[in-house]
Amino acid sequence: EESHKRKAAAAKDFAAALAFHLTGGDFVKPVIDLEKTYGIVFD
């Protein structure tokens, strides 16, 4: 469980760092809940 939590935290940190990089260094916080899972619909 602890290992899973560490991996989840690391993944979250990585996503945040990637967002920071991809937005030109200005951190933009997601407004959707990244803890949830989503269904994707493509028309």
Full PDB file with SEQRES, HELIX, SHEET, SSBOND, CRYST1, ORIGX, SCALE, CONECT and MASTER records, all heavy atoms in Angstrom:
SEQRES   1 A   43  GLU GLU SER HIS LYS ARG LYS ALA ALA ALA ALA LYS ASP          
SEQRES   2 A   43  PHE ALA ALA ALA LEU ALA PHE HIS LEU THR GLY GLY ASP          
SEQRES   3 A   43  PHE VAL LYS PRO VAL ILE ASP LEU GLU LYS THR TYR GLY          
SEQRES   4 A   43  ILE VAL PHE ASP                                              
HELIX    1 AA1 GLU A    2  LEU A   22  1                                  21    
CRYST1    1.000    1.000    1.000  90.00  90.00  90.00 P 1           1          
ORIGX1      1.000000  0.000000  0.000000        0.00000                         
ORIGX2      0.000000  1.000000  0.000000        0.00000                         
ORIGX3      0.000000  0.000000  1.000000        0.00000                         
SCALE1      1.000000  0.000000  0.000000        0.00000                         
SCALE2      0.000000  1.000000  0.000000        0.00000                         
SCALE3      0.000000  0.000000  1.000000        0.00000                         
ATOM      1  N   GLU A   1       0.824  -1.208   0.000  1.00  0.00           N  
ATOM      2  CA  GLU A   1       0.000   0.000   0.000  1.00  0.00           C  
ATOM      3  C   GLU A   1       0.855   1.253   0.000  1.00  0.00           C  
ATOM      4  O   GLU A   1       0.576   2.222  -0.711  1.00  0.00           O  
ATOM      5  CB  GLU A   1      -0.940  -0.011   1.211  1.00  0.00           C  
ATOM      6  CG  GLU A   1      -2.080  -1.010   1.082  1.00  0.00           C  
ATOM      7  CD  GLU A   1      -2.943  -1.044   2.331  1.00  0.00           C  
ATOM      8  OE1 GLU A   1      -2.543  -0.429   3.345  1.00  0.00           O  
ATOM      9  OE2 GLU A   1      -4.009  -1.697   2.295  1.00  0.00           O  
ATOM     10  N   GLU A   2       1.918   1.235   0.826  1.00  0.00           N  
ATOM     11  CA  GLU A   2       2.813   2.388   0.883  1.00  0.00           C  
ATOM     12  C   GLU A   2       3.521   2.590  -0.449  1.00  0.00           C  
ATOM     13  O   GLU A   2       3.701   3.718  -0.916  1.00  0.00           O  
ATOM     14  CB  GLU A   2       3.843   2.194   1.998  1.00  0.00           C  
ATOM     15  CG  GLU A   2       3.245   2.315   3.397  1.00  0.00           C  
ATOM     16  CD  GLU A   2       4.257   2.006   4.487  1.00  0.00           C  
ATOM     17  OE1 GLU A   2       5.431   1.750   4.131  1.00  0.00           O  
ATOM     18  OE2 GLU A   2       3.873   2.022   5.665  1.00  0.00           O  
ATOM     19  N   SER A   3       3.927   1.480  -1.065  1.00  0.00           N  
ATOM     20  CA  SER A   3       4.587   1.557  -2.369  1.00  0.00           C  
ATOM     21  C   SER A   3       3.645   2.151  -3.416  1.00  0.00           C  
ATOM     22  O   SER A   3       4.039   2.986  -4.235  1.00  0.00           O  
ATOM     23  CB  SER A   3       5.048   0.166  -2.808  1.00  0.00           C  
ATOM     24  OG  SER A   3       5.585   0.207  -4.109  1.00  0.00           O  
ATOM     25  N   HIS A   4       2.375   1.707  -3.353  1.00  0.00           N  
ATOM     26  CA  HIS A   4       1.376   2.220  -4.297  1.00  0.00           C  
ATOM     27  C   HIS A   4       1.165   3.716  -4.103  1.00  0.00           C  
ATOM     28  O   HIS A   4       1.077   4.480  -5.079  1.00  0.00           O  
ATOM     29  CB  HIS A   4       0.059   1.471  -4.095  1.00  0.00           C  
ATOM     30  CG  HIS A   4      -1.051   1.965  -4.974  1.00  0.00           C  
ATOM     31  ND1 HIS A   4      -1.097   1.711  -6.327  1.00  0.00           N  
ATOM     32  CD2 HIS A   4      -2.137   2.725  -4.688  1.00  0.00           C  
ATOM     33  CE1 HIS A   4      -2.171   2.277  -6.849  1.00  0.00           C  
ATOM     34  NE2 HIS A   4      -2.824   2.901  -5.874  1.00  0.00           N  
ATOM     35  N   LYS A   5       1.112   4.145  -2.840  1.00  0.00           N  
ATOM     36  CA  LYS A   5       0.927   5.572  -2.547  1.00  0.00           C  
ATOM     37  C   LYS A   5       2.110   6.394  -3.037  1.00  0.00           C  
ATOM     38  O   LYS A   5       1.941   7.494  -3.573  1.00  0.00           O  
ATOM     39  CB  LYS A   5       0.735   5.771  -1.045  1.00  0.00           C  
ATOM     40  CG  LYS A   5      -0.624   5.299  -0.530  1.00  0.00           C  
ATOM     41  CD  LYS A   5      -0.730   5.498   0.972  1.00  0.00           C  
ATOM     42  CE  LYS A   5      -2.089   5.007   1.489  1.00  0.00           C  
ATOM     43  NZ  LYS A   5      -2.181   5.145   2.961  1.00  0.00           N  
ATOM     44  N   ARG A   6       3.322   5.855  -2.849  1.00  0.00           N  
ATOM     45  CA  ARG A   6       4.518   6.570  -3.321  1.00  0.00           C  
ATOM     46  C   ARG A   6       4.511   6.712  -4.834  1.00  0.00           C  
ATOM     47  O   ARG A   6       4.850   7.763  -5.385  1.00  0.00           O  
ATOM     48  CB  ARG A   6       5.781   5.841  -2.859  1.00  0.00           C  
ATOM     49  CG  ARG A   6       6.119   6.027  -1.382  1.00  0.00           C  
ATOM     50  CD  ARG A   6       7.558   5.638  -1.104  1.00  0.00           C  
ATOM     51  NE  ARG A   6       7.829   4.244  -1.420  1.00  0.00           N  
ATOM     52  CZ  ARG A   6       7.675   3.239  -0.558  1.00  0.00           C  
ATOM     53  NH1 ARG A   6       7.257   3.492   0.673  1.00  0.00           N  
ATOM     54  NH2 ARG A   6       7.939   2.005  -0.922  1.00  0.00           N  
ATOM     55  N   LYS A   7       4.123   5.629  -5.525  1.00  0.00           N  
ATOM     56  CA  LYS A   7       4.078   5.667  -6.986  1.00  0.00           C  
ATOM     57  C   LYS A   7       3.025   6.658  -7.472  1.00  0.00           C  
ATOM     58  O   LYS A   7       3.240   7.393  -8.433  1.00  0.00           O  
ATOM     59  CB  LYS A   7       3.772   4.270  -7.544  1.00  0.00           C  
ATOM     60  CG  LYS A   7       4.940   3.296  -7.405  1.00  0.00           C  
ATOM     61  CD  LYS A   7       4.566   1.924  -7.951  1.00  0.00           C  
ATOM     62  CE  LYS A   7       5.736   0.952  -7.822  1.00  0.00           C  
ATOM     63  NZ  LYS A   7       5.377  -0.412  -8.301  1.00  0.00           N  
ATOM     64  N   ALA A   8       1.860   6.672  -6.780  1.00  0.00           N  
ATOM     65  CA  ALA A   8       0.796   7.602  -7.160  1.00  0.00           C  
ATOM     66  C   ALA A   8       1.241   9.036  -6.950  1.00  0.00           C  
ATOM     67  O   ALA A   8       0.985   9.913  -7.785  1.00  0.00           O  
ATOM     68  CB  ALA A   8      -0.460   7.305  -6.345  1.00  0.00           C  
ATOM     69  N   ALA A   9       1.926   9.288  -5.828  1.00  0.00           N  
ATOM     70  CA  ALA A   9       2.421  10.644  -5.547  1.00  0.00           C  
ATOM     71  C   ALA A   9       3.472  11.056  -6.564  1.00  0.00           C  
ATOM     72  O   ALA A   9       3.490  12.197  -7.030  1.00  0.00           O  
ATOM     73  CB  ALA A   9       2.996  10.702  -4.134  1.00  0.00           C  
ATOM     74  N   ALA A  10       4.342  10.101  -6.925  1.00  0.00           N  
ATOM     75  CA  ALA A  10       5.386  10.399  -7.916  1.00  0.00           C  
ATOM     76  C   ALA A  10       4.769  10.714  -9.272  1.00  0.00           C  
ATOM     77  O   ALA A  10       5.206  11.623  -9.974  1.00  0.00           O  
ATOM     78  CB  ALA A  10       6.346   9.217  -8.036  1.00  0.00           C  
ATOM     79  N   ALA A  11       3.720   9.947  -9.629  1.00  0.00           N  
ATOM     80  CA  ALA A  11       3.036  10.191 -10.904  1.00  0.00           C  
ATOM     81  C   ALA A  11       2.380  11.558 -10.912  1.00  0.00           C  
ATOM     82  O   ALA A  11       2.408  12.277 -11.914  1.00  0.00           O  
ATOM     83  CB  ALA A  11       1.991   9.101 -11.149  1.00  0.00           C  
ATOM     84  N   LYS A  12       1.795  11.926  -9.772  1.00  0.00           N  
ATOM     85  CA  LYS A  12       1.154  13.238  -9.664  1.00  0.00           C  
ATOM     86  C   LYS A  12       2.176  14.355  -9.775  1.00  0.00           C  
ATOM     87  O   LYS A  12       1.954  15.366 -10.458  1.00  0.00           O  
ATOM     88  CB  LYS A  12       0.417  13.319  -8.321  1.00  0.00           C  
ATOM     89  CG  LYS A  12      -0.531  14.499  -8.204  1.00  0.00           C  
ATOM     90  CD  LYS A  12      -1.356  14.389  -6.934  1.00  0.00           C  
ATOM     91  CE  LYS A  12      -2.331  15.544  -6.825  1.00  0.00           C  
ATOM     92  NZ  LYS A  12      -3.149  15.448  -5.597  1.00  0.00           N  
ATOM     93  N   ASP A  13       3.334  14.177  -9.117  1.00  0.00           N  
ATOM     94  CA  ASP A  13       4.401  15.174  -9.190  1.00  0.00           C  
ATOM     95  C   ASP A  13       4.929  15.304 -10.613  1.00  0.00           C  
ATOM     96  O   ASP A  13       5.232  16.398 -11.087  1.00  0.00           O  
ATOM     97  CB  ASP A  13       5.546  14.795  -8.243  1.00  0.00           C  
ATOM     98  CG  ASP A  13       5.153  14.955  -6.780  1.00  0.00           C  
ATOM     99  OD1 ASP A  13       4.151  15.631  -6.508  1.00  0.00           O  
ATOM    100  OD2 ASP A  13       5.852  14.375  -5.919  1.00  0.00           O  
ATOM    101  N   PHE A  14       5.054  14.143 -11.285  1.00  0.00           N  
ATOM    102  CA  PHE A  14       5.542  14.157 -12.662  1.00  0.00           C  
ATOM    103  C   PHE A  14       4.572  14.905 -13.570  1.00  0.00           C  
ATOM    104  O   PHE A  14       4.981  15.709 -14.409  1.00  0.00           O  
ATOM    105  CB  PHE A  14       5.717  12.726 -13.179  1.00  0.00           C  
ATOM    106  CG  PHE A  14       6.109  12.653 -14.636  1.00  0.00           C  
ATOM    107  CD1 PHE A  14       7.402  12.943 -15.039  1.00  0.00           C  
ATOM    108  CD2 PHE A  14       5.169  12.321 -15.599  1.00  0.00           C  
ATOM    109  CE1 PHE A  14       7.757  12.888 -16.380  1.00  0.00           C  
ATOM    110  CE2 PHE A  14       5.508  12.266 -16.935  1.00  0.00           C  
ATOM    111  CZ  PHE A  14       6.812  12.547 -17.328  1.00  0.00           C  
ATOM    112  N   ALA A  15       3.262  14.645 -13.390  1.00  0.00           N  
ATOM    113  CA  ALA A  15       2.252  15.333 -14.196  1.00  0.00           C  
ATOM    114  C   ALA A  15       2.313  16.836 -13.959  1.00  0.00           C  
ATOM    115  O   ALA A  15       2.197  17.632 -14.892  1.00  0.00           O  
ATOM    116  CB  ALA A  15       0.854  14.796 -13.868  1.00  0.00           C  
ATOM    117  N   ALA A  16       2.502  17.221 -12.703  1.00  0.00           N  
ATOM    118  CA  ALA A  16       2.587  18.647 -12.381  1.00  0.00           C  
ATOM    119  C   ALA A  16       3.822  19.279 -13.017  1.00  0.00           C  
ATOM    120  O   ALA A  16       3.767  20.368 -13.571  1.00  0.00           O  
ATOM    121  CB  ALA A  16       2.621  18.839 -10.868  1.00  0.00           C  
ATOM    122  N   ALA A  17       4.952  18.559 -12.942  1.00  0.00           N  
ATOM    123  CA  ALA A  17       6.188  19.071 -13.535  1.00  0.00           C  
ATOM    124  C   ALA A  17       6.065  19.184 -15.046  1.00  0.00           C  
ATOM    125  O   ALA A  17       6.537  20.139 -15.664  1.00  0.00           O  
ATOM    126  CB  ALA A  17       7.357  18.155 -13.177  1.00  0.00           C  
ATOM    127  N   LEU A  18       5.387  18.203 -15.640  1.00  0.00           N  
ATOM    128  CA  LEU A  18       5.192  18.216 -17.087  1.00  0.00           C  
ATOM    129  C   LEU A  18       4.298  19.379 -17.490  1.00  0.00           C  
ATOM    130  O   LEU A  18       4.559  20.068 -18.477  1.00  0.00           O  
ATOM    131  CB  LEU A  18       4.570  16.891 -17.539  1.00  0.00           C  
ATOM    132  CG  LEU A  18       4.497  16.641 -19.047  1.00  0.00           C  
ATOM    133  CD1 LEU A  18       5.883  16.683 -19.669  1.00  0.00           C  
ATOM    134  CD2 LEU A  18       3.823  15.310 -19.322  1.00  0.00           C  
ATOM    135  N   ALA A  19       3.249  19.608 -16.709  1.00  0.00           N  
ATOM    136  CA  ALA A  19       2.365  20.748 -16.978  1.00  0.00           C  
ATOM    137  C   ALA A  19       3.140  22.053 -16.887  1.00  0.00           C  
ATOM    138  O   ALA A  19       2.970  22.959 -17.701  1.00  0.00           O  
ATOM    139  CB  ALA A  19       1.199  20.756 -15.986  1.00  0.00           C  
ATOM    140  N   PHE A  20       4.020  22.151 -15.903  1.00  0.00           N  
ATOM    141  CA  PHE A  20       4.854  23.338 -15.732  1.00  0.00           C  
ATOM    142  C   PHE A  20       5.722  23.565 -16.963  1.00  0.00           C  
ATOM    143  O   PHE A  20       5.819  24.665 -17.498  1.00  0.00           O  
ATOM    144  CB  PHE A  20       5.727  23.152 -14.492  1.00  0.00           C  
ATOM    145  CG  PHE A  20       6.641  24.322 -14.208  1.00  0.00           C  
ATOM    146  CD1 PHE A  20       6.171  25.412 -13.489  1.00  0.00           C  
ATOM    147  CD2 PHE A  20       7.952  24.331 -14.646  1.00  0.00           C  
ATOM    148  CE1 PHE A  20       7.001  26.490 -13.217  1.00  0.00           C  
ATOM    149  CE2 PHE A  20       8.788  25.403 -14.380  1.00  0.00           C  
ATOM    150  CZ  PHE A  20       8.307  26.476 -13.662  1.00  0.00           C  
ATOM    151  N   HIS A  21       6.320  22.486 -17.447  1.00  0.00           N  
ATOM    152  CA  HIS A  21       7.200  22.575 -18.619  1.00  0.00           C  
ATOM    153  C   HIS A  21       6.416  22.931 -19.878  1.00  0.00           C  
ATOM    154  O   HIS A  21       6.835  23.792 -20.656  1.00  0.00           O  
ATOM    155  CB  HIS A  21       7.919  21.239 -18.816  1.00  0.00           C  
ATOM    156  CG  HIS A  21       8.649  21.127 -20.114  1.00  0.00           C  
ATOM    157  ND1 HIS A  21       9.804  21.827 -20.391  1.00  0.00           N  
ATOM    158  CD2 HIS A  21       8.368  20.417 -21.238  1.00  0.00           C  
ATOM    159  CE1 HIS A  21      10.219  21.544 -21.612  1.00  0.00           C  
ATOM    160  NE2 HIS A  21       9.355  20.695 -22.149  1.00  0.00           N  
ATOM    161  N   LEU A  22       5.275  22.285 -20.072  1.00  0.00           N  
ATOM    162  CA  LEU A  22       4.520  22.447 -21.305  1.00  0.00           C  
ATOM    163  C   LEU A  22       3.818  23.789 -21.410  1.00  0.00           C  
ATOM    164  O   LEU A  22       3.402  24.198 -22.484  1.00  0.00           O  
ATOM    165  CB  LEU A  22       3.493  21.319 -21.433  1.00  0.00           C  
ATOM    166  CG  LEU A  22       4.097  19.934 -21.667  1.00  0.00           C  
ATOM    167  CD1 LEU A  22       3.032  18.874 -21.485  1.00  0.00           C  
ATOM    168  CD2 LEU A  22       4.719  19.825 -23.055  1.00  0.00           C  
ATOM    169  N   THR A  23       3.650  24.464 -20.308  1.00  0.00           N  
ATOM    170  CA  THR A  23       3.023  25.783 -20.350  1.00  0.00           C  
ATOM    171  C   THR A  23       4.057  26.892 -20.297  1.00  0.00           C  
ATOM    172  O   THR A  23       3.766  28.025 -19.941  1.00  0.00           O  
ATOM    173  CB  THR A  23       2.032  25.943 -19.186  1.00  0.00           C  
ATOM    174  OG1 THR A  23       2.707  25.678 -17.950  1.00  0.00           O  
ATOM    175  CG2 THR A  23       0.861  25.000 -19.326  1.00  0.00           C  
ATOM    176  N   GLY A  24       5.291  26.561 -20.640  1.00  0.00           N  
ATOM    177  CA  GLY A  24       6.323  27.576 -20.744  1.00  0.00           C  
ATOM    178  C   GLY A  24       6.902  27.980 -19.410  1.00  0.00           C  
ATOM    179  O   GLY A  24       7.486  29.053 -19.274  1.00  0.00           O  
ATOM    180  N   GLY A  25       6.754  27.124 -18.395  1.00  0.00           N  
ATOM    181  CA  GLY A  25       7.338  27.420 -17.106  1.00  0.00           C  
ATOM    182  C   GLY A  25       6.385  28.087 -16.144  1.00  0.00           C  
ATOM    183  O   GLY A  25       6.688  28.242 -14.975  1.00  0.00           O  
ATOM    184  N   ASP A  26       5.203  28.493 -16.600  1.00  0.00           N  
ATOM    185  CA  ASP A  26       4.203  29.091 -15.719  1.00  0.00           C  
ATOM    186  C   ASP A  26       3.225  28.002 -15.310  1.00  0.00           C  
ATOM    187  O   ASP A  26       2.440  27.533 -16.120  1.00  0.00           O  
ATOM    188  CB  ASP A  26       3.453  30.222 -16.434  1.00  0.00           C  
ATOM    189  CG  ASP A  26       4.378  31.382 -16.749  1.00  0.00           C  
ATOM    190  OD1 ASP A  26       5.164  31.747 -15.874  1.00  0.00           O  
ATOM    191  OD2 ASP A  26       4.308  31.892 -17.880  1.00  0.00           O  
ATOM    192  N   PHE A  27       3.278  27.614 -14.050  1.00  0.00           N  
ATOM    193  CA  PHE A  27       2.453  26.500 -13.609  1.00  0.00           C  
ATOM    194  C   PHE A  27       0.980  26.849 -13.692  1.00  0.00           C  
ATOM    195  O   PHE A  27       0.539  27.885 -13.206  1.00  0.00           O  
ATOM    196  CB  PHE A  27       2.806  26.110 -12.176  1.00  0.00           C  
ATOM    197  CG  PHE A  27       1.984  24.965 -11.678  1.00  0.00           C  
ATOM    198  CD1 PHE A  27       2.231  23.684 -12.130  1.00  0.00           C  
ATOM    199  CD2 PHE A  27       0.943  25.175 -10.799  1.00  0.00           C  
ATOM    200  CE1 PHE A  27       1.464  22.628 -11.690  1.00  0.00           C  
ATOM    201  CE2 PHE A  27       0.165  24.121 -10.358  1.00  0.00           C  
ATOM    202  CZ  PHE A  27       0.439  22.841 -10.798  1.00  0.00           C  
ATOM    203  N   VAL A  28       0.223  25.985 -14.345  1.00  0.00           N  
ATOM    204  CA  VAL A  28      -1.220  26.133 -14.438  1.00  0.00           C  
ATOM    205  C   VAL A  28      -1.832  24.895 -13.790  1.00  0.00           C  
ATOM    206  O   VAL A  28      -1.570  23.776 -14.211  1.00  0.00           O  
ATOM    207  CB  VAL A  28      -1.691  26.249 -15.904  1.00  0.00           C  
ATOM    208  CG1 VAL A  28      -3.189  26.495 -15.955  1.00  0.00           C  
ATOM    209  CG2 VAL A  28      -0.944  27.360 -16.617  1.00  0.00           C  
ATOM    210  N   LYS A  29      -2.647  25.112 -12.775  1.00  0.00           N  
ATOM    211  CA  LYS A  29      -3.225  24.005 -12.032  1.00  0.00           C  
ATOM    212  C   LYS A  29      -4.462  23.474 -12.741  1.00  0.00           C  
ATOM    213  O   LYS A  29      -5.339  24.255 -13.126  1.00  0.00           O  
ATOM    214  CB  LYS A  29      -3.593  24.462 -10.620  1.00  0.00           C  
ATOM    215  CG  LYS A  29      -4.088  23.343  -9.721  1.00  0.00           C  
ATOM    216  CD  LYS A  29      -4.395  23.879  -8.328  1.00  0.00           C  
ATOM    217  CE  LYS A  29      -4.902  22.765  -7.422  1.00  0.00           C  
ATOM    218  NZ  LYS A  29      -5.227  23.274  -6.064  1.00  0.00           N  
ATOM    219  N   PRO A  30      -4.566  22.149 -12.922  1.00  0.00           N  
ATOM    220  CA  PRO A  30      -5.776  21.596 -13.550  1.00  0.00           C  
ATOM    221  C   PRO A  30      -7.021  21.912 -12.724  1.00  0.00           C  
ATOM    222  O   PRO A  30      -6.972  21.952 -11.491  1.00  0.00           O  
ATOM    223  CB  PRO A  30      -5.500  20.085 -13.564  1.00  0.00           C  
ATOM    224  CG  PRO A  30      -4.014  19.958 -13.474  1.00  0.00           C  
ATOM    225  CD  PRO A  30      -3.560  21.113 -12.631  1.00  0.00           C  
ATOM    226  N   VAL A  31      -8.132  22.133 -13.411  1.00  0.00           N  
ATOM    227  CA  VAL A  31      -9.387  22.389 -12.709  1.00  0.00           C  
ATOM    228  C   VAL A  31     -10.253  21.135 -12.642  1.00  0.00           C  
ATOM    229  O   VAL A  31     -11.233  21.098 -11.897  1.00  0.00           O  
ATOM    230  CB  VAL A  31     -10.184  23.526 -13.385  1.00  0.00           C  
ATOM    231  CG1 VAL A  31      -9.429  24.833 -13.298  1.00  0.00           C  
ATOM    232  CG2 VAL A  31     -10.516  23.184 -14.838  1.00  0.00           C  
ATOM    233  N   ILE A  32      -9.898  20.104 -13.403  1.00  0.00           N  
ATOM    234  CA  ILE A  32     -10.625  18.847 -13.285  1.00  0.00           C  
ATOM    235  C   ILE A  32      -9.901  17.969 -12.267  1.00  0.00           C  
ATOM    236  O   ILE A  32      -8.699  18.126 -12.029  1.00  0.00           O  
ATOM    237  CB  ILE A  32     -10.768  18.121 -14.635  1.00  0.00           C  
ATOM    238  CG1 ILE A  32      -9.427  17.586 -15.130  1.00  0.00           C  
ATOM    239  CG2 ILE A  32     -11.390  19.025 -15.688  1.00  0.00           C  
ATOM    240  CD1 ILE A  32      -9.574  16.669 -16.327  1.00  0.00           C  
ATOM    241  N   ASP A  33     -10.623  17.064 -11.673  1.00  0.00           N  
ATOM    242  CA  ASP A  33     -10.092  16.216 -10.608  1.00  0.00           C  
ATOM    243  C   ASP A  33      -9.256  15.091 -11.205  1.00  0.00           C  
ATOM    244  O   ASP A  33      -9.800  14.155 -11.813  1.00  0.00           O  
ATOM    245  CB  ASP A  33     -11.254  15.652  -9.786  1.00  0.00           C  
ATOM    246  CG  ASP A  33     -10.784  14.915  -8.536  1.00  0.00           C  
ATOM    247  OD1 ASP A  33      -9.563  14.698  -8.397  1.00  0.00           O  
ATOM    248  OD2 ASP A  33     -11.640  14.558  -7.708  1.00  0.00           O  
ATOM    249  N   LEU A  34      -7.954  15.151 -11.020  1.00  0.00           N  
ATOM    250  CA  LEU A  34      -7.067  14.132 -11.581  1.00  0.00           C  
ATOM    251  C   LEU A  34      -7.028  12.860 -10.745  1.00  0.00           C  
ATOM    252  O   LEU A  34      -6.373  11.887 -11.124  1.00  0.00           O  
ATOM    253  CB  LEU A  34      -5.650  14.695 -11.735  1.00  0.00           C  
ATOM    254  CG  LEU A  34      -5.501  15.833 -12.748  1.00  0.00           C  
ATOM    255  CD1 LEU A  34      -4.047  16.267 -12.858  1.00  0.00           C  
ATOM    256  CD2 LEU A  34      -6.034  15.429 -14.118  1.00  0.00           C  
ATOM    257  N   GLU A  35      -7.716  12.873  -9.605  1.00  0.00           N  
ATOM    258  CA  GLU A  35      -7.820  11.652  -8.809  1.00  0.00           C  
ATOM    259  C   GLU A  35      -8.912  10.732  -9.357  1.00  0.00           C  
ATOM    260  O   GLU A  35      -8.912   9.531  -9.098  1.00  0.00           O  
ATOM    261  CB  GLU A  35      -8.136  12.008  -7.349  1.00  0.00           C  
ATOM    262  CG  GLU A  35      -7.066  12.823  -6.652  1.00  0.00           C  
ATOM    263  CD  GLU A  35      -5.734  12.102  -6.579  1.00  0.00           C  
ATOM    264  OE1 GLU A  35      -5.729  10.866  -6.408  1.00  0.00           O  
ATOM    265  OE2 GLU A  35      -4.691  12.769  -6.721  1.00  0.00           O  
ATOM    266  N   LYS A  36      -9.846  11.300 -10.116  1.00  0.00           N  
ATOM    267  CA  LYS A  36     -10.945  10.515 -10.688  1.00  0.00           C  
ATOM    268  C   LYS A  36     -10.498   9.803 -11.957  1.00  0.00           C  
ATOM    269  O   LYS A  36      -9.489  10.152 -12.573  1.00  0.00           O  
ATOM    270  CB  LYS A  36     -12.123  11.426 -11.030  1.00  0.00           C  
ATOM    271  CG  LYS A  36     -12.926  11.914  -9.851  1.00  0.00           C  
ATOM    272  CD  LYS A  36     -14.158  12.666 -10.365  1.00  0.00           C  
ATOM    273  CE  LYS A  36     -15.077  13.057  -9.227  1.00  0.00           C  
ATOM    274  NZ  LYS A  36     -16.303  13.735  -9.744  1.00  0.00           N  
ATOM    275  N   THR A  37     -11.296   8.821 -12.364  1.00  0.00           N  
ATOM    276  CA  THR A  37     -11.139   8.229 -13.691  1.00  0.00           C  
ATOM    277  C   THR A  37     -12.323   8.682 -14.544  1.00  0.00           C  
ATOM    278  O   THR A  37     -13.414   8.943 -14.024  1.00  0.00           O  
ATOM    279  CB  THR A  37     -11.091   6.696 -13.645  1.00  0.00           C  
ATOM    280  OG1 THR A  37     -12.286   6.210 -13.025  1.00  0.00           O  
ATOM    281  CG2 THR A  37      -9.881   6.218 -12.859  1.00  0.00           C  
ATOM    282  N   TYR A  38     -12.113   8.757 -15.850  1.00  0.00           N  
ATOM    283  CA  TYR A  38     -13.117   9.337 -16.744  1.00  0.00           C  
ATOM    284  C   TYR A  38     -13.444   8.395 -17.894  1.00  0.00           C  
ATOM    285  O   TYR A  38     -12.616   7.579 -18.320  1.00  0.00           O  
ATOM    286  CB  TYR A  38     -12.613  10.662 -17.310  1.00  0.00           C  
ATOM    287  CG  TYR A  38     -12.458  11.730 -16.255  1.00  0.00           C  
ATOM    288  CD1 TYR A  38     -11.278  11.854 -15.521  1.00  0.00           C  
ATOM    289  CD2 TYR A  38     -13.501  12.607 -15.968  1.00  0.00           C  
ATOM    290  CE1 TYR A  38     -11.139  12.818 -14.533  1.00  0.00           C  
ATOM    291  CE2 TYR A  38     -13.373  13.580 -14.987  1.00  0.00           C  
ATOM    292  CZ  TYR A  38     -12.193  13.677 -14.275  1.00  0.00           C  
ATOM    293  OH  TYR A  38     -12.057  14.632 -13.291  1.00  0.00           O  
ATOM    294  N   GLY A  39     -14.667   8.536 -18.377  1.00  0.00           N  
ATOM    295  CA  GLY A  39     -15.064   7.908 -19.620  1.00  0.00           C  
ATOM    296  C   GLY A  39     -14.901   8.924 -20.734  1.00  0.00           C  
ATOM    297  O   GLY A  39     -15.320  10.076 -20.597  1.00  0.00           O  
ATOM    298  N   ILE A  40     -14.265   8.528 -21.820  1.00  0.00           N  
ATOM    299  CA  ILE A  40     -14.017   9.428 -22.948  1.00  0.00           C  
ATOM    300  C   ILE A  40     -14.967   9.075 -24.084  1.00  0.00           C  
ATOM    301  O   ILE A  40     -15.115   7.898 -24.435  1.00  0.00           O  
ATOM    302  CB  ILE A  40     -12.559   9.321 -23.448  1.00  0.00           C  
ATOM    303  CG1 ILE A  40     -11.580   9.515 -22.295  1.00  0.00           C  
ATOM    304  CG2 ILE A  40     -12.301  10.325 -24.561  1.00  0.00           C  
ATOM    305  CD1 ILE A  40     -11.661  10.843 -21.596  1.00  0.00           C  
ATOM    306  N   VAL A  41     -15.597  10.092 -24.661  1.00  0.00           N  
ATOM    307  CA  VAL A  41     -16.494   9.893 -25.800  1.00  0.00           C  
ATOM    308  C   VAL A  41     -15.945  10.648 -26.999  1.00  0.00           C  
ATOM    309  O   VAL A  41     -15.694  11.851 -26.925  1.00  0.00           O  
ATOM    310  CB  VAL A  41     -17.923  10.375 -25.484  1.00  0.00           C  
ATOM    311  CG1 VAL A  41     -18.797  10.314 -26.737  1.00  0.00           C  
ATOM    312  CG2 VAL A  41     -18.545   9.527 -24.390  1.00  0.00           C  
ATOM    313  N   PHE A  42     -15.749   9.932 -28.104  1.00  0.00           N  
ATOM    314  CA  PHE A  42     -15.319  10.519 -29.371  1.00  0.00           C  
ATOM    315  C   PHE A  42     -16.473  10.399 -30.362  1.00  0.00           C  
ATOM    316  O   PHE A  42     -16.901   9.284 -30.679  1.00  0.00           O  
ATOM    317  CB  PHE A  42     -14.110   9.774 -29.947  1.00  0.00           C  
ATOM    318  CG  PHE A  42     -12.824   9.951 -29.183  1.00  0.00           C  
ATOM    319  CD1 PHE A  42     -11.898   8.922 -29.135  1.00  0.00           C  
ATOM    320  CD2 PHE A  42     -12.524  11.136 -28.547  1.00  0.00           C  
ATOM    321  CE1 PHE A  42     -10.693   9.072 -28.457  1.00  0.00           C  
ATOM    322  CE2 PHE A  42     -11.333  11.305 -27.861  1.00  0.00           C  
ATOM    323  CZ  PHE A  42     -10.410  10.267 -27.812  1.00  0.00           C  
ATOM    324  N   ASP A  43     -16.959  11.520 -30.876  1.00  0.00           N  
ATOM    325  CA  ASP A  43     -18.004  11.438 -31.893  1.00  0.00           C  
ATOM    326  C   ASP A  43     -17.384  11.261 -33.270  1.00  0.00           C  
ATOM    327  O   ASP A  43     -16.163  11.225 -33.438  1.00  0.00           O  
ATOM    328  CB  ASP A  43     -18.942  12.649 -31.835  1.00  0.00           C  
ATOM    329  CG  ASP A  43     -18.259  13.960 -32.202  1.00  0.00           C  
ATOM    330  OD1 ASP A  43     -17.021  13.995 -32.227  1.00  0.00           O  
ATOM    331  OD2 ASP A  43     -18.956  14.962 -32.444  1.00  0.00           O  
TER     332      ASP A  43                                                      
MASTER        0    0    0    1    0    0    0    6  331    1    0    4          
END                                                                             
